[in-house]
Each structure stands twice: as structure tokens, then as C-alpha cells.
PDB file of N, CA and C in Angstrom:
ATOM      1  N   MET A   1      93.442  89.877  83.451  1.00  0.00           N
ATOM      2  CA  MET A   1      93.932  90.193  82.122  1.00  0.00           C
ATOM      3  C   MET A   1      93.431  89.111  81.161  1.00  0.00           C
ATOM      4  N   TRP A   2      93.072  89.542  79.974  1.00  0.00           N
ATOM      5  CA  TRP A   2      92.581  88.630  78.961  1.00  0.00           C
ATOM      6  C   TRP A   2      93.458  88.726  77.724  1.00  0.00           C
ATOM      7  N   PRO A   3      93.802  87.592  77.125  1.00  0.00           N
ATOM      8  CA  PRO A   3      94.610  87.628  75.901  1.00  0.00           C
ATOM      9  C   PRO A   3      93.763  88.097  74.715  1.00  0.00           C
ATOM     10  N   THR A   4      94.426  88.708  73.748  1.00  0.00           N
ATOM     11  CA  THR A   4      93.772  89.110  72.502  1.00  0.00           C
ATOM     12  C   THR A   4      94.421  88.336  71.352  1.00  0.00           C
ATOM     13  N   ASP A   5      93.939  88.554  70.161  1.00  0.00           N
ATOM     14  CA  ASP A   5      94.534  87.939  68.968  1.00  0.00           C
ATOM     15  C   ASP A   5      95.634  88.812  68.381  1.00  0.00           C
ATOM     16  N   VAL A   6      96.053  89.842  69.107  1.00  0.00           N
ATOM     17  CA  VAL A   6      97.048  90.799  68.619  1.00  0.00           C
ATOM     18  C   VAL A   6      98.417  90.444  69.173  1.00  0.00           C
ATOM     19  N   ASN A   7      99.419  90.412  68.304  1.00  0.00           N
ATOM     20  CA  ASN A   7     100.809  90.223  68.712  1.00  0.00           C
ATOM     21  C   ASN A   7     101.592  91.493  68.400  1.00  0.00           C
ATOM     22  N   ILE A   8     102.484  91.854  69.316  1.00  0.00           N
ATOM     23  CA  ILE A   8     103.346  92.999  69.110  1.00  0.00           C
ATOM     24  C   ILE A   8     104.502  92.544  68.222  1.00  0.00           C
ATOM     25  N   LEU A   9     104.702  93.181  67.097  1.00  0.00           N
ATOM     26  CA  LEU A   9     105.675  92.724  66.111  1.00  0.00           C
ATOM     27  C   LEU A   9     107.115  92.783  66.606  1.00  0.00           C
ATOM     28  N   ALA A  10     107.450  93.748  67.435  1.00  0.00           N
ATOM     29  CA  ALA A  10     108.843  93.915  67.850  1.00  0.00           C
ATOM     30  C   ALA A  10     109.385  92.695  68.577  1.00  0.00           C
ATOM     31  N   ASN A  11     108.572  92.068  69.399  1.00  0.00           N
ATOM     32  CA  ASN A  11     109.080  90.915  70.156  1.00  0.00           C
ATOM     33  C   ASN A  11     108.116  89.735  70.187  1.00  0.00           C
ATOM     34  N   GLU A  12     107.103  89.770  69.330  1.00  0.00           N
ATOM     35  CA  GLU A  12     106.114  88.697  69.227  1.00  0.00           C
ATOM     36  C   GLU A  12     105.350  88.456  70.527  1.00  0.00           C
ATOM     37  N   ALA A  13     105.298  89.444  71.398  1.00  0.00           N
ATOM     38  CA  ALA A  13     104.543  89.328  72.650  1.00  0.00           C
ATOM     39  C   ALA A  13     103.050  89.474  72.365  1.00  0.00           C
ATOM     40  N   SER A  14     102.233  88.779  73.122  1.00  0.00           N
ATOM     41  CA  SER A  14     100.783  88.900  72.989  1.00  0.00           C
ATOM     42  C   SER A  14     100.299  90.134  73.730  1.00  0.00           C
ATOM     43  N   LEU A  15      99.288  90.775  73.179  1.00  0.00           N
ATOM     44  CA  LEU A  15      98.671  91.919  73.824  1.00  0.00           C
ATOM     45  C   LEU A  15      97.597  91.412  74.775  1.00  0.00           C
ATOM     46  N   LEU A  16      97.648  91.859  76.031  1.00  0.00           N
ATOM     47  CA  LEU A  16      96.642  91.518  77.027  1.00  0.00           C
ATOM     48  C   LEU A  16      95.860  92.778  77.373  1.00  0.00           C
ATOM     49  N   VAL A  17      94.586  92.635  77.642  1.00  0.00           N
ATOM     50  CA  VAL A  17      93.754  93.765  78.049  1.00  0.00           C
ATOM     51  C   VAL A  17      93.070  93.420  79.361  1.00  0.00           C
ATOM     52  N   GLY A  18      92.684  94.436  80.100  1.00  0.00           N
ATOM     53  CA  GLY A  18      91.996  94.195  81.360  1.00  0.00           C
ATOM     54  C   GLY A  18      91.366  95.466  81.881  1.00  0.00           C
ATOM     55  N   THR A  19      90.601  95.317  82.920  1.00  0.00           N
ATOM     56  CA  THR A  19      89.946  96.424  83.593  1.00  0.00           C
ATOM     57  C   THR A  19      90.253  96.324  85.080  1.00  0.00           C
ATOM     58  N   ILE A  20      90.515  97.450  85.704  1.00  0.00           N
ATOM     59  CA  ILE A  20      90.714  97.479  87.143  1.00  0.00           C
ATOM     60  C   ILE A  20      89.741  98.506  87.704  1.00  0.00           C
ATOM     61  N   GLU A  21      89.107  98.154  88.814  1.00  0.00           N
ATOM     62  CA  GLU A  21      88.085  99.024  89.373  1.00  0.00           C
ATOM     63  C   GLU A  21      87.979  98.829  90.883  1.00  0.00           C
ATOM     64  N   VAL A  22      87.372  99.792  91.546  1.00  0.00           N
ATOM     65  CA  VAL A  22      87.054  99.674  92.968  1.00  0.00           C
ATOM     66  C   VAL A  22      85.670  99.049  93.071  1.00  0.00           C
ATOM     67  N   GLN A  23      85.537  98.065  93.948  1.00  0.00           N
ATOM     68  CA  GLN A  23      84.241  97.426  94.161  1.00  0.00           C
ATOM     69  C   GLN A  23      83.876  97.469  95.639  1.00  0.00           C
ATOM     70  N   ASN A  24      82.599  97.538  95.902  1.00  0.00           N
ATOM     71  CA  ASN A  24      82.065  97.440  97.252  1.00  0.00           C
ATOM     72  C   ASN A  24      81.308  96.136  97.366  1.00  0.00           C
ATOM     73  N   LYS A  25      81.230  95.609  98.581  1.00  0.00           N
ATOM     74  CA  LYS A  25      80.428  94.400  98.752  1.00  0.00           C
ATOM     75  C   LYS A  25      79.005  94.786  99.111  1.00  0.00           C
ATOM     76  N   ARG A  26      78.075  94.041  98.547  1.00  0.00           N
ATOM     77  CA  ARG A  26      76.656  94.283  98.773  1.00  0.00           C
ATOM     78  C   ARG A  26      76.038  93.008  99.321  1.00  0.00           C
ATOM     79  N   PRO A  27      75.418  93.080 100.516  1.00  0.00           N
ATOM     80  CA  PRO A  27      74.828  91.861 101.086  1.00  0.00           C
ATOM     81  C   PRO A  27      73.608  91.410 100.293  1.00  0.00           C
ATOM     82  N   MET A  28      73.435  90.092 100.213  1.00  0.00           N
ATOM     83  CA  MET A  28      72.305  89.513  99.486  1.00  0.00           C
ATOM     84  C   MET A  28      71.627  88.513 100.420  1.00  0.00           C
ATOM     85  N   ALA A  29      70.441  88.836 100.858  1.00  0.00           N
ATOM     86  CA  ALA A  29      69.635  87.968 101.729  1.00  0.00           C
ATOM     87  C   ALA A  29      70.343  87.631 103.037  1.00  0.00           C
ATOM     88  N   GLY A  30      71.309  88.453 103.441  1.00  0.00           N
ATOM     89  CA  GLY A  30      71.994  88.223 104.694  1.00  0.00           C
ATOM     90  C   GLY A  30      72.886  87.002 104.714  1.00  0.00           C
ATOM     91  N   LEU A  31      73.064  86.353 103.558  1.00  0.00           N
ATOM     92  CA  LEU A  31      73.835  85.110 103.512  1.00  0.00           C
ATOM     93  C   LEU A  31      75.130  85.235 102.730  1.00  0.00           C
ATOM     94  N   ILE A  32      75.083  85.976 101.647  1.00  0.00           N
ATOM     95  CA  ILE A  32      76.249  86.108 100.777  1.00  0.00           C
ATOM     96  C   ILE A  32      76.456  87.578 100.432  1.00  0.00           C
ATOM     97  N   PHE A  33      77.608  87.896  99.886  1.00  0.00           N
ATOM     98  CA  PHE A  33      77.902  89.249  99.434  1.00  0.00           C
ATOM     99  C   PHE A  33      78.205  89.221  97.949  1.00  0.00           C
ATOM    100  N   LEU A  34      77.739  90.225  97.239  1.00  0.00           N
ATOM    101  CA  LEU A  34      78.020  90.392  95.817  1.00  0.00           C
ATOM    102  C   LEU A  34      78.914  91.603  95.631  1.00  0.00           C
ATOM    103  N   ALA A  35      79.778  91.561  94.626  1.00  0.00           N
ATOM    104  CA  ALA A  35      80.640  92.696  94.300  1.00  0.00           C
ATOM    105  C   ALA A  35      79.853  93.686  93.462  1.00  0.00           C
ATOM    106  N   ARG A  36      79.977  94.956  93.808  1.00  0.00           N
ATOM    107  CA  ARG A  36      79.311  96.026  93.052  1.00  0.00           C
ATOM    108  C   ARG A  36      80.355  97.047  92.632  1.00  0.00           C
ATOM    109  N   ASP A  37      80.431  97.315  91.342  1.00  0.00           N
ATOM    110  CA  ASP A  37      81.367  98.287  90.778  1.00  0.00           C
ATOM    111  C   ASP A  37      80.989  99.683  91.248  1.00  0.00           C
ATOM    112  N   THR A  38      81.986 100.462  91.709  1.00  0.00           N
ATOM    113  CA  THR A  38      81.733 101.837  92.143  1.00  0.00           C
ATOM    114  C   THR A  38      81.895 102.841  91.019  1.00  0.00           C
ATOM    115  N   GLY A  39      82.496 102.431  89.905  1.00  0.00           N
ATOM    116  CA  GLY A  39      82.724 103.353  88.792  1.00  0.00           C
ATOM    117  C   GLY A  39      83.955 104.215  88.961  1.00  0.00           C
ATOM    118  N   GLU A  40      84.802 103.947  89.959  1.00  0.00           N
ATOM    119  CA  GLU A  40      85.995 104.753  90.229  1.00  0.00           C
ATOM    120  C   GLU A  40      87.212 104.150  89.538  1.00  0.00           C
ATOM    121  N   TYR A  41      87.268 104.252  88.239  1.00  0.00           N
ATOM    122  CA  TYR A  41      88.335 103.628  87.465  1.00  0.00           C
ATOM    123  C   TYR A  41      89.668 104.360  87.593  1.00  0.00           C
ATOM    124  N   ASP A  42      89.641 105.674  87.625  1.00  0.00           N
ATOM    125  CA  ASP A  42      90.887 106.441  87.678  1.00  0.00           C
ATOM    126  C   ASP A  42      91.656 106.209  88.968  1.00  0.00           C
ATOM    127  N   ARG A  43      90.964 106.151  90.088  1.00  0.00           N
ATOM    128  CA  ARG A  43      91.637 105.900  91.368  1.00  0.00           C
ATOM    129  C   ARG A  43      92.315 104.533  91.354  1.00  0.00           C
ATOM    130  N   SER A  44      91.631 103.527  90.862  1.00  0.00           N
ATOM    131  CA  SER A  44      92.195 102.178  90.770  1.00  0.00           C
ATOM    132  C   SER A  44      93.406 102.145  89.855  1.00  0.00           C
ATOM    133  N   LEU A  45      93.324 102.853  88.757  1.00  0.00           N
ATOM    134  CA  LEU A  45      94.415 102.885  87.789  1.00  0.00           C
ATOM    135  C   LEU A  45      95.666 103.508  88.393  1.00  0.00           C
ATOM    136  N   GLY A  46      95.499 104.554  89.190  1.00  0.00           N
ATOM    137  CA  GLY A  46      96.637 105.191  89.848  1.00  0.00           C
ATOM    138  C   GLY A  46      97.346 104.263  90.819  1.00  0.00           C
ATOM    139  N   VAL A  47      96.580 103.498  91.583  1.00  0.00           N
ATOM    140  CA  VAL A  47      97.166 102.533  92.519  1.00  0.00           C
ATOM    141  C   VAL A  47      97.901 101.440  91.743  1.00  0.00           C
ATOM    142  N   PHE A  48      97.300 100.958  90.691  1.00  0.00           N
ATOM    143  CA  PHE A  48      97.905  99.914  89.853  1.00  0.00           C
ATOM    144  C   PHE A  48      99.213 100.406  89.242  1.00  0.00           C
ATOM    145  N   GLU A  49      99.221 101.651  88.759  1.00  0.00           N
ATOM    146  CA  GLU A  49     100.429 102.238  88.167  1.00  0.00           C
ATOM    147  C   GLU A  49     101.566 102.284  89.190  1.00  0.00           C
ATOM    148  N   GLN A  50     101.268 102.704  90.406  1.00  0.00           N
ATOM    149  CA  GLN A  50     102.295 102.790  91.449  1.00  0.00           C
ATOM    150  C   GLN A  50     102.873 101.417  91.788  1.00  0.00           C
ATOM    151  N   GLU A  51     102.058 100.387  91.780  1.00  0.00           N
ATOM    152  CA  GLU A  51     102.518  99.033  92.102  1.00  0.00           C
ATOM    153  C   GLU A  51     103.453  98.472  91.033  1.00  0.00           C
ATOM    154  N   PHE A  52     103.215  98.806  89.774  1.00  0.00           N
ATOM    155  CA  PHE A  52     103.971  98.204  88.678  1.00  0.00           C
ATOM    156  C   PHE A  52     105.110  99.064  88.147  1.00  0.00           C
ATOM    157  N   CYS A  53     105.179 100.337  88.510  1.00  0.00           N
ATOM    158  CA  CYS A  53     106.163 101.233  87.896  1.00  0.00           C
ATOM    159  C   CYS A  53     107.606 100.871  88.259  1.00  0.00           C
ATOM    160  N   ASN A  54     107.851 100.165  89.339  1.00  0.00           N
ATOM    161  CA  ASN A  54     109.216  99.773  89.699  1.00  0.00           C
ATOM    162  C   ASN A  54     109.651  98.453  89.073  1.00  0.00           C
ATOM    163  N   ARG A  55     108.715  97.690  88.529  1.00  0.00           N
ATOM    164  CA  ARG A  55     109.039  96.375  87.970  1.00  0.00           C
ATOM    165  C   ARG A  55     108.906  96.294  86.456  1.00  0.00           C
ATOM    166  N   PHE A  56     108.146  97.219  85.876  1.00  0.00           N
ATOM    167  CA  PHE A  56     107.899  97.199  84.435  1.00  0.00           C
ATOM    168  C   PHE A  56     107.990  98.622  83.895  1.00  0.00           C
ATOM    169  N   ALA A  57     108.070  98.731  82.593  1.00  0.00           N
ATOM    170  CA  ALA A  57     107.952 100.039  81.952  1.00  0.00           C
ATOM    171  C   ALA A  57     106.458 100.353  81.867  1.00  0.00           C
ATOM    172  N   VAL A  58     106.074 101.533  82.287  1.00  0.00           N
ATOM    173  CA  VAL A  58     104.663 101.913  82.257  1.00  0.00           C
ATOM    174  C   VAL A  58     104.515 103.290  81.627  1.00  0.00           C
ATOM    175  N   LYS A  59     103.401 103.506  80.971  1.00  0.00           N
ATOM    176  CA  LYS A  59     103.094 104.817  80.405  1.00  0.00           C
ATOM    177  C   LYS A  59     101.592 105.026  80.504  1.00  0.00           C
ATOM    178  N   LEU A  60     101.201 106.129  81.107  1.00  0.00           N
ATOM    179  CA  LEU A  60      99.799 106.484  81.227  1.00  0.00           C
ATOM    180  C   LEU A  60      99.426 107.350  80.031  1.00  0.00           C
ATOM    181  N   VAL A  61      98.462 106.931  79.271  1.00  0.00           N
ATOM    182  CA  VAL A  61      97.999 107.695  78.108  1.00  0.00           C
ATOM    183  C   VAL A  61      96.538 108.049  78.318  1.00  0.00           C
ATOM    184  N   GLU A  62      96.077 109.085  77.626  1.00  0.00           N
ATOM    185  CA  GLU A  62      94.705 109.538  77.804  1.00  0.00           C
ATOM    186  C   GLU A  62      94.045 109.768  76.462  1.00  0.00           C
ATOM    187  N   ARG A  63      92.880 109.199  76.304  1.00  0.00           N
ATOM    188  CA  ARG A  63      92.097 109.403  75.090  1.00  0.00           C
ATOM    189  C   ARG A  63      91.446 110.776  75.174  1.00  0.00           C
ATOM    190  N   LYS A  64      91.582 111.575  74.137  1.00  0.00           N
ATOM    191  CA  LYS A  64      90.999 112.915  74.144  1.00  0.00           C
ATOM    192  C   LYS A  64      89.509 112.841  73.817  1.00  0.00           C
ATOM    193  N   ASN A  65      88.770 113.801  74.350  1.00  0.00           N
ATOM    194  CA  ASN A  65      87.331 113.920  74.099  1.00  0.00           C
ATOM    195  C   ASN A  65      86.570 112.650  74.444  1.00  0.00           C
ATOM    196  N   SER A  66      86.928 112.010  75.543  1.00  0.00           N
ATOM    197  CA  SER A  66      86.227 110.791  75.934  1.00  0.00           C
ATOM    198  C   SER A  66      85.006 111.136  76.772  1.00  0.00           C
ATOM    199  N   GLU A  67      83.891 110.610  76.381  1.00  0.00           N
ATOM    200  CA  GLU A  67      82.661 110.766  77.136  1.00  0.00           C
ATOM    201  C   GLU A  67      82.074 109.385  77.314  1.00  0.00           C
ATOM    202  N   VAL A  68      81.884 108.985  78.556  1.00  0.00           N
ATOM    203  CA  VAL A  68      81.404 107.646  78.850  1.00  0.00           C
ATOM    204  C   VAL A  68      80.088 107.750  79.593  1.00  0.00           C
ATOM    205  N   GLN A  69      79.111 106.990  79.144  1.00  0.00           N
ATOM    206  CA  GLN A  69      77.826 106.944  79.826  1.00  0.00           C
ATOM    207  C   GLN A  69      77.562 105.506  80.245  1.00  0.00           C
ATOM    208  N   GLY A  70      76.923 105.343  81.400  1.00  0.00           N
ATOM    209  CA  GLY A  70      76.553 104.013  81.862  1.00  0.00           C
ATOM    210  C   GLY A  70      75.377 103.484  81.060  1.00  0.00           C
ATOM    211  N   SER A  71      75.118 102.189  81.182  1.00  0.00           N
ATOM    212  CA  SER A  71      74.017 101.580  80.448  1.00  0.00           C
ATOM    213  C   SER A  71      72.665 101.907  81.083  1.00  0.00           C
ATOM    214  N   HIS A  72      72.672 102.352  82.333  1.00  0.00           N
ATOM    215  CA  HIS A  72      71.459 102.753  83.034  1.00  0.00           C
ATOM    216  C   HIS A  72      71.649 104.170  83.562  1.00  0.00           C
ATOM    217  N   ASP A  73      70.557 104.881  83.729  1.00  0.00           N
ATOM    218  CA  ASP A  73      70.644 106.255  84.202  1.00  0.00           C
ATOM    219  C   ASP A  73      71.318 106.371  85.564  1.00  0.00           C
ATOM    220  N   GLN A  74      71.145 105.369  86.432  1.00  0.00           N
ATOM    221  CA  GLN A  74      71.722 105.446  87.771  1.00  0.00           C
ATOM    222  C   GLN A  74      73.191 105.041  87.798  1.00  0.00           C
ATOM    223  N   ASP A  75      73.732 104.515  86.709  1.00  0.00           N
ATOM    224  CA  ASP A  75      75.142 104.122  86.671  1.00  0.00           C
ATOM    225  C   ASP A  75      76.027 105.356  86.750  1.00  0.00           C
ATOM    226  N   ARG A  76      77.030 105.297  87.611  1.00  0.00           N
ATOM    227  CA  ARG A  76      77.994 106.383  87.748  1.00  0.00           C
ATOM    228  C   ARG A  76      79.329 105.896  87.220  1.00  0.00           C
ATOM    229  N   VAL A  77      79.792 106.470  86.142  1.00  0.00           N
ATOM    230  CA  VAL A  77      81.063 106.073  85.552  1.00  0.00           C
ATOM    231  C   VAL A  77      82.032 107.237  85.662  1.00  0.00           C
ATOM    232  N   ASP A  78      83.173 106.988  86.280  1.00  0.00           N
ATOM    233  CA  ASP A  78      84.172 108.028  86.473  1.00  0.00           C
ATOM    234  C   ASP A  78      85.445 107.630  85.726  1.00  0.00           C
ATOM    235  N   TRP A  79      85.331 107.472  84.420  1.00  0.00           N
ATOM    236  CA  TRP A  79      86.476 107.114  83.585  1.00  0.00           C
ATOM    237  C   TRP A  79      86.696 108.243  82.603  1.00  0.00           C
ATOM    238  N   ARG A  80      87.906 108.762  82.574  1.00  0.00           N
ATOM    239  CA  ARG A  80      88.210 109.926  81.739  1.00  0.00           C
ATOM    240  C   ARG A  80      89.059 109.572  80.524  1.00  0.00           C
ATOM    241  N   GLY A  81      89.064 108.325  80.134  1.00  0.00           N
ATOM    242  CA  GLY A  81      89.813 107.936  78.949  1.00  0.00           C
ATOM    243  C   GLY A  81      91.258 107.585  79.222  1.00  0.00           C
ATOM    244  N   ARG A  82      91.630 107.401  80.494  1.00  0.00           N
ATOM    245  CA  ARG A  82      93.013 107.076  80.846  1.00  0.00           C
ATOM    246  C   ARG A  82      93.253 105.578  80.717  1.00  0.00           C
ATOM    247  N   VAL A  83      94.378 105.227  80.093  1.00  0.00           N
ATOM    248  CA  VAL A  83      94.764 103.836  79.881  1.00  0.00           C
ATOM    249  C   VAL A  83      96.218 103.682  80.291  1.00  0.00           C
ATOM    250  N   LEU A  84      96.524 102.621  81.002  1.00  0.00           N
ATOM    251  CA  LEU A  84      97.889 102.355  81.431  1.00  0.00           C
ATOM    252  C   LEU A  84      98.492 101.285  80.529  1.00  0.00           C
ATOM    253  N   LEU A  85      99.591 101.631  79.867  1.00  0.00           N
ATOM    254  CA  LEU A  85     100.332 100.663  79.049  1.00  0.00           C
ATOM    255  C   LEU A  85     101.479 100.119  79.883  1.00  0.00           C
ATOM    256  N   ILE A  86     101.611  98.806  79.942  1.00  0.00           N
ATOM    257  CA  ILE A  86     102.659  98.160  80.741  1.00  0.00           C
ATOM    258  C   ILE A  86     103.373  97.166  79.839  1.00  0.00           C
ATOM    259  N   TRP A  87     104.709  97.205  79.861  1.00  0.00           N
ATOM    260  CA  TRP A  87     105.461  96.225  79.098  1.00  0.00           C
ATOM    261  C   TRP A  87     106.748  95.890  79.838  1.00  0.00           C
ATOM    262  N   GLN A  88     107.261  94.716  79.517  1.00  0.00           N
ATOM    263  CA  GLN A  88     108.502  94.262  80.141  1.00  0.00           C
ATOM    264  C   GLN A  88     109.677  94.725  79.298  1.00  0.00           C
ATOM    265  N   THR A  89     110.679  95.314  79.945  1.00  0.00           N
ATOM    266  CA  THR A  89     111.835  95.821  79.191  1.00  0.00           C
ATOM    267  C   THR A  89     112.917  94.786  79.099  1.00  0.00           C
TER     268      THR A  89
END
């Protein structure tokens, strides 16, 4: 999670943003492994929602008409505009 310059007026809480994703390990020269994004954002978001729904207030919202393209033709992005809002009650 990364802090922003935005404060929520109701309780002066700072707004944090972040990304959650599934990653695979990719071997590099047989010595080390690098993380590679799979583009499966929705699956990760669902798992994250289940983990936090008993401890915080959560709301899943969806951006309408979202179309996401990767920066390269081979990039596979599976994000449908879903965002999880989490706050402490």
C-alpha cells in the first residue's frame, strides 16, 4: 500500500492505494528467480476481499466500460475495473 496526498474529511484518515496480483516465479540463469505478473487481478482481489471482510468494512465497486490494454502486445491483462474499498469502522 502506498500513501497518497488525499485525506478523507470525515475522520482525517489518509487514503492508501495499492495493487494485488498473482505472480509466477521465472528462473534467471538457473541462479535466481524473478517475479512475473500473470495479469490475474480479479482472482487476487477476491482472495483479498475474503481475508479482510471479517476485520474491516469492505465494498467491491466496478468501473463501467473499462477496457485495459497491456503496454506490449503479448501482455495479458485480466482486470475488469473492479476496485476494493476497505475502511476501518
